[in-house]
PDB file of all heavy atoms in Angstrom:
ATOM      1  N   GLY A   1      41.247   1.360 -94.428  1.00  0.00           N
ATOM      2  CA  GLY A   1      42.103   1.091 -93.175  1.00  0.00           C
ATOM      3  C   GLY A   1      43.477   0.485 -93.550  1.00  0.00           C
ATOM      4  O   GLY A   1      43.449  -0.352 -94.475  1.00  0.00           O
ATOM      5  N   TYR A   2      44.394   0.991 -92.928  1.00  0.00           N
ATOM      6  CA  TYR A   2      45.833   0.442 -93.101  1.00  0.00           C
ATOM      7  C   TYR A   2      46.347   0.250 -91.708  1.00  0.00           C
ATOM      8  O   TYR A   2      46.726   1.132 -90.991  1.00  0.00           O
ATOM      9  CB  TYR A   2      46.710   1.252 -93.967  1.00  0.00           C
ATOM     10  CG  TYR A   2      47.999   0.748 -94.068  1.00  0.00           C
ATOM     11  CD1 TYR A   2      48.341  -0.276 -94.912  1.00  0.00           C
ATOM     12  CD2 TYR A   2      49.113   1.393 -93.476  1.00  0.00           C
ATOM     13  CE1 TYR A   2      49.539  -0.879 -95.058  1.00  0.00           C
ATOM     14  CE2 TYR A   2      50.496   0.778 -93.621  1.00  0.00           C
ATOM     15  CZ  TYR A   2      50.703  -0.282 -94.312  1.00  0.00           C
ATOM     16  OH  TYR A   2      51.860  -0.896 -94.558  1.00  0.00           O
ATOM     17  N   LYS A   3      46.426  -1.034 -91.318  1.00  0.00           N
ATOM     18  CA  LYS A   3      46.803  -1.439 -90.048  1.00  0.00           C
ATOM     19  C   LYS A   3      45.931  -0.732 -88.962  1.00  0.00           C
ATOM     20  O   LYS A   3      44.735  -0.876 -89.026  1.00  0.00           O
ATOM     21  CB  LYS A   3      48.340  -1.258 -89.862  1.00  0.00           C
ATOM     22  CG  LYS A   3      49.248  -2.108 -90.709  1.00  0.00           C
ATOM     23  CD  LYS A   3      50.603  -1.983 -90.612  1.00  0.00           C
ATOM     24  CE  LYS A   3      51.584  -2.791 -91.585  1.00  0.00           C
ATOM     25  NZ  LYS A   3      52.900  -2.686 -91.360  1.00  0.00           N
ATOM     26  N   ASP A   4      46.490   0.079 -88.183  1.00  0.00           N
ATOM     27  CA  ASP A   4      45.747   0.789 -87.073  1.00  0.00           C
ATOM     28  C   ASP A   4      45.180   2.092 -87.558  1.00  0.00           C
ATOM     29  O   ASP A   4      44.459   2.706 -86.727  1.00  0.00           O
ATOM     30  CB  ASP A   4      46.546   1.025 -85.866  1.00  0.00           C
ATOM     31  CG  ASP A   4      47.072  -0.334 -85.248  1.00  0.00           C
ATOM     32  OD1 ASP A   4      46.115  -1.220 -85.265  1.00  0.00           O
ATOM     33  OD2 ASP A   4      48.173  -0.371 -84.582  1.00  0.00           O
ATOM     34  N   LEU A   5      45.450   2.629 -88.672  1.00  0.00           N
ATOM     35  CA  LEU A   5      45.074   3.875 -89.187  1.00  0.00           C
ATOM     36  C   LEU A   5      43.746   3.648 -89.953  1.00  0.00           C
ATOM     37  O   LEU A   5      43.698   2.780 -90.925  1.00  0.00           O
ATOM     38  CB  LEU A   5      46.054   4.540 -90.133  1.00  0.00           C
ATOM     39  CG  LEU A   5      45.686   5.913 -90.674  1.00  0.00           C
ATOM     40  CD1 LEU A   5      45.488   6.968 -89.529  1.00  0.00           C
ATOM     41  CD2 LEU A   5      46.708   6.378 -91.629  1.00  0.00           C
ATOM     42  N   GLN A   6      42.703   4.302 -89.610  1.00  0.00           N
ATOM     43  CA  GLN A   6      41.423   4.001 -90.267  1.00  0.00           C
ATOM     44  C   GLN A   6      40.720   5.365 -90.545  1.00  0.00           C
ATOM     45  O   GLN A   6      40.707   6.257 -89.702  1.00  0.00           O
ATOM     46  CB  GLN A   6      40.437   3.219 -89.349  1.00  0.00           C
ATOM     47  CG  GLN A   6      41.004   1.833 -89.222  1.00  0.00           C
ATOM     48  CD  GLN A   6      39.937   0.725 -88.658  1.00  0.00           C
ATOM     49  OE1 GLN A   6      38.829   1.099 -88.656  1.00  0.00           O
ATOM     50  NE2 GLN A   6      40.346  -0.291 -88.280  1.00  0.00           N
ATOM     51  N   LEU A   7      40.113   5.513 -91.694  1.00  0.00           N
ATOM     52  CA  LEU A   7      39.334   6.656 -92.036  1.00  0.00           C
ATOM     53  C   LEU A   7      37.949   6.031 -92.639  1.00  0.00           C
ATOM     54  O   LEU A   7      37.843   5.210 -93.349  1.00  0.00           O
ATOM     55  CB  LEU A   7      39.933   7.511 -93.229  1.00  0.00           C
ATOM     56  CG  LEU A   7      39.127   8.623 -93.817  1.00  0.00           C
ATOM     57  CD1 LEU A   7      38.804   9.638 -92.750  1.00  0.00           C
ATOM     58  CD2 LEU A   7      39.816   9.040 -95.080  1.00  0.00           C
ATOM     59  N   SER A   8      36.798   6.603 -92.121  1.00  0.00           N
ATOM     60  CA  SER A   8      35.450   6.118 -92.435  1.00  0.00           C
ATOM     61  C   SER A   8      34.532   7.279 -92.505  1.00  0.00           C
ATOM     62  O   SER A   8      34.757   8.246 -91.759  1.00  0.00           O
ATOM     63  CB  SER A   8      34.962   5.094 -91.497  1.00  0.00           C
ATOM     64  OG  SER A   8      34.835   5.618 -90.211  1.00  0.00           O
ATOM     65  N   VAL A   9      33.532   7.349 -93.444  1.00  0.00           N
ATOM     66  CA  VAL A   9      32.619   8.256 -93.583  1.00  0.00           C
ATOM     67  C   VAL A   9      31.238   7.733 -93.731  1.00  0.00           C
ATOM     68  O   VAL A   9      30.977   6.520 -94.057  1.00  0.00           O
ATOM     69  CB  VAL A   9      32.876   9.082 -94.824  1.00  0.00           C
ATOM     70  CG1 VAL A   9      34.125   9.860 -94.726  1.00  0.00           C
ATOM     71  CG2 VAL A   9      32.714   8.253 -96.066  1.00  0.00           C
ATOM     72  N   LEU A  10      30.258   8.383 -93.241  1.00  0.00           N
ATOM     73  CA  LEU A  10      28.757   8.009 -93.298  1.00  0.00           C
ATOM     74  C   LEU A  10      27.958   9.171 -93.723  1.00  0.00           C
ATOM     75  O   LEU A  10      28.126  10.238 -93.054  1.00  0.00           O
ATOM     76  CB  LEU A  10      28.325   7.397 -91.953  1.00  0.00           C
ATOM     77  CG  LEU A  10      26.987   6.858 -91.826  1.00  0.00           C
ATOM     78  CD1 LEU A  10      26.843   5.809 -90.678  1.00  0.00           C
ATOM     79  CD2 LEU A  10      25.877   7.848 -91.637  1.00  0.00           C
ATOM     80  N   TYR A  11      27.152   8.995 -94.799  1.00  0.00           N
ATOM     81  CA  TYR A  11      26.293  10.022 -95.169  1.00  0.00           C
ATOM     82  C   TYR A  11      24.869   9.416 -95.048  1.00  0.00           C
ATOM     83  O   TYR A  11      24.520   8.278 -95.506  1.00  0.00           O
ATOM     84  CB  TYR A  11      26.551  10.455 -96.723  1.00  0.00           C
ATOM     85  CG  TYR A  11      25.414  11.352 -97.197  1.00  0.00           C
ATOM     86  CD1 TYR A  11      25.280  12.549 -96.886  1.00  0.00           C
ATOM     87  CD2 TYR A  11      24.465  10.648 -98.007  1.00  0.00           C
ATOM     88  CE1 TYR A  11      24.244  13.359 -97.560  1.00  0.00           C
ATOM     89  CE2 TYR A  11      23.459  11.362 -98.589  1.00  0.00           C
ATOM     90  CZ  TYR A  11      23.229  12.794 -98.269  1.00  0.00           C
ATOM     91  OH  TYR A  11      22.279  13.493 -98.812  1.00  0.00           O
ATOM     92  N   GLN A  12      23.919  10.175 -94.471  1.00  0.00           N
ATOM     93  CA  GLN A  12      22.495   9.799 -94.344  1.00  0.00           C
ATOM     94  C   GLN A  12      21.566  10.909 -94.666  1.00  0.00           C
ATOM     95  O   GLN A  12      21.764  12.010 -94.110  1.00  0.00           O
ATOM     96  CB  GLN A  12      22.308   9.317 -92.959  1.00  0.00           C
ATOM     97  CG  GLN A  12      20.913   8.669 -92.876  1.00  0.00           C
ATOM     98  CD  GLN A  12      20.678   8.321 -91.458  1.00  0.00           C
ATOM     99  OE1 GLN A  12      20.809   8.943 -90.420  1.00  0.00           O
ATOM    100  NE2 GLN A  12      20.075   6.933 -91.267  1.00  0.00           N
ATOM    101  N   ARG A  13      20.521  10.609 -95.408  1.00  0.00           N
ATOM    102  CA  ARG A  13      19.446  11.512 -95.782  1.00  0.00           C
ATOM    103  C   ARG A  13      18.233  10.676 -95.346  1.00  0.00           C
ATOM    104  O   ARG A  13      17.929   9.753 -96.037  1.00  0.00           O
ATOM    105  CB  ARG A  13      19.503  12.095 -97.190  1.00  0.00           C
ATOM    106  CG  ARG A  13      18.404  13.144 -97.316  1.00  0.00           C
ATOM    107  CD  ARG A  13      18.385  13.661 -98.711  1.00  0.00           C
ATOM    108  NE  ARG A  13      17.486  14.839 -98.806  1.00  0.00           N
ATOM    109  CZ  ARG A  13      17.129  15.514 -99.963  1.00  0.00           C
ATOM    110  NH1 ARG A  13      17.929  15.314-101.005  1.00  0.00           N
ATOM    111  NH2 ARG A  13      16.227  16.398 -99.877  1.00  0.00           N
ATOM    112  N   TYR A  14      17.519  11.215 -94.458  1.00  0.00           N
ATOM    113  CA  TYR A  14      16.286  10.641 -93.981  1.00  0.00           C
ATOM    114  C   TYR A  14      15.101  11.565 -94.191  1.00  0.00           C
ATOM    115  O   TYR A  14      14.886  12.503 -93.569  1.00  0.00           O
ATOM    116  CB  TYR A  14      16.376  10.305 -92.457  1.00  0.00           C
ATOM    117  CG  TYR A  14      15.316   9.484 -91.882  1.00  0.00           C
ATOM    118  CD1 TYR A  14      14.857   8.273 -92.361  1.00  0.00           C
ATOM    119  CD2 TYR A  14      14.728  10.005 -90.641  1.00  0.00           C
ATOM    120  CE1 TYR A  14      13.942   7.559 -91.675  1.00  0.00           C
ATOM    121  CE2 TYR A  14      13.753   9.221 -89.992  1.00  0.00           C
ATOM    122  CZ  TYR A  14      13.373   8.100 -90.489  1.00  0.00           C
ATOM    123  OH  TYR A  14      12.294   7.331 -89.888  1.00  0.00           O
ATOM    124  N   ARG A  15      14.341  11.262 -95.391  1.00  0.00           N
ATOM    125  CA  ARG A  15      13.311  12.092 -95.715  1.00  0.00           C
ATOM    126  C   ARG A  15      11.864  11.568 -95.189  1.00  0.00           C
ATOM    127  O   ARG A  15      11.606  10.437 -95.379  1.00  0.00           O
ATOM    128  CB  ARG A  15      13.268  12.195 -97.270  1.00  0.00           C
ATOM    129  CG  ARG A  15      14.573  12.575 -97.832  1.00  0.00           C
ATOM    130  CD  ARG A  15      14.383  12.724 -99.491  1.00  0.00           C
ATOM    131  NE  ARG A  15      13.504  13.777 -99.731  1.00  0.00           N
ATOM    132  CZ  ARG A  15      13.127  14.172-100.945  1.00  0.00           C
ATOM    133  NH1 ARG A  15      13.529  13.352-101.959  1.00  0.00           N
ATOM    134  NH2 ARG A  15      12.395  15.231-101.267  1.00  0.00           N
ATOM    135  N   THR A  16      11.210  12.433 -94.424  1.00  0.00           N
ATOM    136  CA  THR A  16      10.056  12.051 -93.747  1.00  0.00           C
ATOM    137  C   THR A  16       8.877  13.068 -94.077  1.00  0.00           C
ATOM    138  O   THR A  16       9.191  14.192 -94.461  1.00  0.00           O
ATOM    139  CB  THR A  16      10.184  11.996 -92.134  1.00  0.00           C
ATOM    140  OG1 THR A  16      10.245  13.387 -91.655  1.00  0.00           O
ATOM    141  CG2 THR A  16      11.415  11.196 -91.784  1.00  0.00           C
ATOM    142  N   SER A  17       7.619  12.612 -93.889  1.00  0.00           N
ATOM    143  CA  SER A  17       6.427  13.536 -93.948  1.00  0.00           C
ATOM    144  C   SER A  17       5.435  13.018 -92.952  1.00  0.00           C
ATOM    145  O   SER A  17       5.498  11.855 -92.476  1.00  0.00           O
ATOM    146  CB  SER A  17       5.875  13.422 -95.416  1.00  0.00           C
ATOM    147  OG  SER A  17       5.414  12.310 -95.623  1.00  0.00           O
ATOM    148  N   ALA A  18       4.659  13.925 -92.571  1.00  0.00           N
ATOM    149  CA  ALA A  18       3.612  13.740 -91.471  1.00  0.00           C
ATOM    150  C   ALA A  18       2.274  14.452 -91.811  1.00  0.00           C
ATOM    151  O   ALA A  18       2.297  15.500 -92.432  1.00  0.00           O
ATOM    152  CB  ALA A  18       4.107  14.101 -90.056  1.00  0.00           C
ATOM    153  N   ILE A  19       1.139  13.872 -91.442  1.00  0.00           N
ATOM    154  CA  ILE A  19      -0.073  14.420 -91.639  1.00  0.00           C
ATOM    155  C   ILE A  19      -0.488  15.047 -90.318  1.00  0.00           C
ATOM    156  O   ILE A  19      -1.754  15.542 -90.335  1.00  0.00           O
ATOM    157  CB  ILE A  19      -1.037  13.335 -92.260  1.00  0.00           C
ATOM    158  CG1 ILE A  19      -2.338  14.084 -92.850  1.00  0.00           C
ATOM    159  CG2 ILE A  19      -1.435  12.413 -91.190  1.00  0.00           C
ATOM    160  CD1 ILE A  19      -2.020  14.826 -94.057  1.00  0.00           C
ATOM    161  N   ILE A  20       0.287  15.145 -89.403  1.00  0.00           N
ATOM    162  CA  ILE A  20      -0.041  15.672 -88.066  1.00  0.00           C
ATOM    163  C   ILE A  20       1.036  16.758 -87.857  1.00  0.00           C
ATOM    164  O   ILE A  20       2.219  16.609 -88.022  1.00  0.00           O
ATOM    165  CB  ILE A  20       0.146  14.656 -86.946  1.00  0.00           C
ATOM    166  CG1 ILE A  20      -0.667  13.311 -87.423  1.00  0.00           C
ATOM    167  CG2 ILE A  20      -0.559  15.091 -85.658  1.00  0.00           C
ATOM    168  CD1 ILE A  20       0.148  12.233 -87.808  1.00  0.00           C
ATOM    169  N   ALA A  21       0.511  17.829 -87.239  1.00  0.00           N
ATOM    170  CA  ALA A  21       1.608  18.923 -86.817  1.00  0.00           C
ATOM    171  C   ALA A  21       1.772  18.772 -85.365  1.00  0.00           C
ATOM    172  O   ALA A  21       2.438  17.756 -85.067  1.00  0.00           O
ATOM    173  CB  ALA A  21       0.816  20.321 -87.165  1.00  0.00           C
ATOM    174  N   PHE A  22       1.536  19.768 -84.569  1.00  0.00           N
ATOM    175  CA  PHE A  22       1.812  19.763 -83.205  1.00  0.00           C
ATOM    176  C   PHE A  22       0.641  18.997 -82.365  1.00  0.00           C
ATOM    177  O   PHE A  22       0.956  18.238 -81.441  1.00  0.00           O
ATOM    178  CB  PHE A  22       2.110  21.100 -82.542  1.00  0.00           C
ATOM    179  CG  PHE A  22       3.320  21.639 -83.050  1.00  0.00           C
ATOM    180  CD1 PHE A  22       3.375  22.494 -84.291  1.00  0.00           C
ATOM    181  CD2 PHE A  22       4.556  21.514 -82.417  1.00  0.00           C
ATOM    182  CE1 PHE A  22       4.545  23.021 -84.576  1.00  0.00           C
ATOM    183  CE2 PHE A  22       5.704  21.963 -82.899  1.00  0.00           C
ATOM    184  CZ  PHE A  22       5.735  22.842 -84.027  1.00  0.00           C
ATOM    185  N   ASP A  23      -0.481  19.213 -82.875  1.00  0.00           N
ATOM    186  CA  ASP A  23      -1.664  18.598 -82.108  1.00  0.00           C
ATOM    187  C   ASP A  23      -2.782  18.249 -82.980  1.00  0.00           C
ATOM    188  O   ASP A  23      -3.761  17.769 -82.438  1.00  0.00           O
ATOM    189  CB  ASP A  23      -2.129  19.405 -80.967  1.00  0.00           C
ATOM    190  CG  ASP A  23      -2.511  20.873 -81.447  1.00  0.00           C
ATOM    191  OD1 ASP A  23      -2.355  21.086 -82.636  1.00  0.00           O
ATOM    192  OD2 ASP A  23      -2.819  21.601 -80.522  1.00  0.00           O
ATOM    193  N   GLU A  24      -2.837  18.606 -84.337  1.00  0.00           N
ATOM    194  CA  GLU A  24      -4.064  18.368 -85.099  1.00  0.00           C
ATOM    195  C   GLU A  24      -3.708  18.024 -86.499  1.00  0.00           C
ATOM    196  O   GLU A  24      -2.519  18.142 -87.103  1.00  0.00           O
ATOM    197  CB  GLU A  24      -4.801  19.632 -85.111  1.00  0.00           C
ATOM    198  CG  GLU A  24      -4.158  20.879 -85.719  1.00  0.00           C
ATOM    199  CD  GLU A  24      -5.054  22.164 -85.767  1.00  0.00           C
ATOM    200  OE1 GLU A  24      -6.245  22.006 -85.805  1.00  0.00           O
ATOM    201  OE2 GLU A  24      -4.429  23.297 -85.561  1.00  0.00           O
ATOM    202  N   VAL A  25      -4.635  17.467 -87.291  1.00  0.00           N
ATOM    203  CA  VAL A  25      -4.450  16.885 -88.590  1.00  0.00           C
ATOM    204  C   VAL A  25      -4.218  18.149 -89.609  1.00  0.00           C
ATOM    205  O   VAL A  25      -4.784  19.262 -89.425  1.00  0.00           O
ATOM    206  CB  VAL A  25      -5.741  16.198 -89.044  1.00  0.00           C
ATOM    207  CG1 VAL A  25      -5.797  16.010 -90.660  1.00  0.00           C
ATOM    208  CG2 VAL A  25      -5.883  14.998 -88.377  1.00  0.00           C
ATOM    209  N   LEU A  26      -3.372  17.902 -90.500  1.00  0.00           N
ATOM    210  CA  LEU A  26      -2.970  18.943 -91.582  1.00  0.00           C
ATOM    211  C   LEU A  26      -3.787  18.643 -92.848  1.00  0.00           C
ATOM    212  O   LEU A  26      -4.331  17.550 -93.088  1.00  0.00           O
ATOM    213  CB  LEU A  26      -1.503  18.849 -91.844  1.00  0.00           C
ATOM    214  CG  LEU A  26      -0.525  19.183 -90.754  1.00  0.00           C
ATOM    215  CD1 LEU A  26       0.929  18.878 -91.114  1.00  0.00           C
ATOM    216  CD2 LEU A  26      -0.694  20.599 -90.316  1.00  0.00           C
ATOM    217  N   GLN A  27      -3.908  19.824 -93.614  1.00  0.00           N
ATOM    218  CA  GLN A  27      -4.530  19.598 -94.995  1.00  0.00           C
ATOM    219  C   GLN A  27      -3.665  18.820 -95.926  1.00  0.00           C
ATOM    220  O   GLN A  27      -4.185  18.006 -96.700  1.00  0.00           O
ATOM    221  CB  GLN A  27      -4.875  20.954 -95.430  1.00  0.00           C
ATOM    222  CG  GLN A  27      -5.926  21.813 -94.661  1.00  0.00           C
ATOM    223  CD  GLN A  27      -7.262  21.237 -94.712  1.00  0.00           C
ATOM    224  OE1 GLN A  27      -7.749  20.497 -95.749  1.00  0.00           O
ATOM    225  NE2 GLN A  27      -7.962  21.205 -93.593  1.00  0.00           N
ATOM    226  N   THR A  28      -2.404  19.116 -95.850  1.00  0.00           N
ATOM    227  CA  THR A  28      -1.361  18.411 -96.734  1.00  0.00           C
ATOM    228  C   THR A  28      -0.208  17.991 -95.788  1.00  0.00           C
ATOM    229  O   THR A  28       0.000  18.612 -94.851  1.00  0.00           O
ATOM    230  CB  THR A  28      -1.043  19.258 -97.914  1.00  0.00           C
ATOM    231  OG1 THR A  28      -0.319  20.521 -97.415  1.00  0.00           O
ATOM    232  CG2 THR A  28      -2.073  19.552 -98.795  1.00  0.00           C
ATOM    233  N   PRO A  29       0.409  16.946 -96.101  1.00  0.00           N
ATOM    234  CA  PRO A  29       1.598  16.468 -95.333  1.00  0.00           C
ATOM    235  C   PRO A  29       2.619  17.485 -95.260  1.00  0.00           C
ATOM    236  O   PRO A  29       2.877  18.273 -96.106  1.00  0.00           O
ATOM    237  CB  PRO A  29       2.019  15.126 -96.109  1.00  0.00           C
ATOM    238  CG  PRO A  29       0.959  14.783 -96.968  1.00  0.00           C
ATOM    239  CD  PRO A  29       0.256  16.005 -97.314  1.00  0.00           C
ATOM    240  N   SER A  30       3.246  17.542 -94.117  1.00  0.00           N
ATOM    241  CA  SER A  30       4.472  18.398 -93.827  1.00  0.00           C
ATOM    242  C   SER A  30       5.731  17.593 -93.868  1.00  0.00           C
ATOM    243  O   SER A  30       5.764  16.454 -93.339  1.00  0.00           O
ATOM    244  CB  SER A  30       4.214  19.054 -92.390  1.00  0.00           C
ATOM    245  OG  SER A  30       5.480  19.718 -92.115  1.00  0.00           O
ATOM    246  N   ALA A  31       6.690  18.139 -94.605  1.00  0.00           N
ATOM    247  CA  ALA A  31       7.919  17.383 -94.877  1.00  0.00           C
ATOM    248  C   ALA A  31       9.026  17.764 -93.900  1.00  0.00           C
ATOM    249  O   ALA A  31       9.168  18.998 -93.543  1.00  0.00           O
ATOM    250  CB  ALA A  31       8.488  17.565 -96.301  1.00  0.00           C
TER     251      ALA A  31
END
């Protein structure tokens, strides 16, 4: 930032997994 001029960036990686699909248990987790 320089006085009123500002430049900012945000990077996000959110890695998830689940053992449930739409309504039932999975054999292996889904990423």
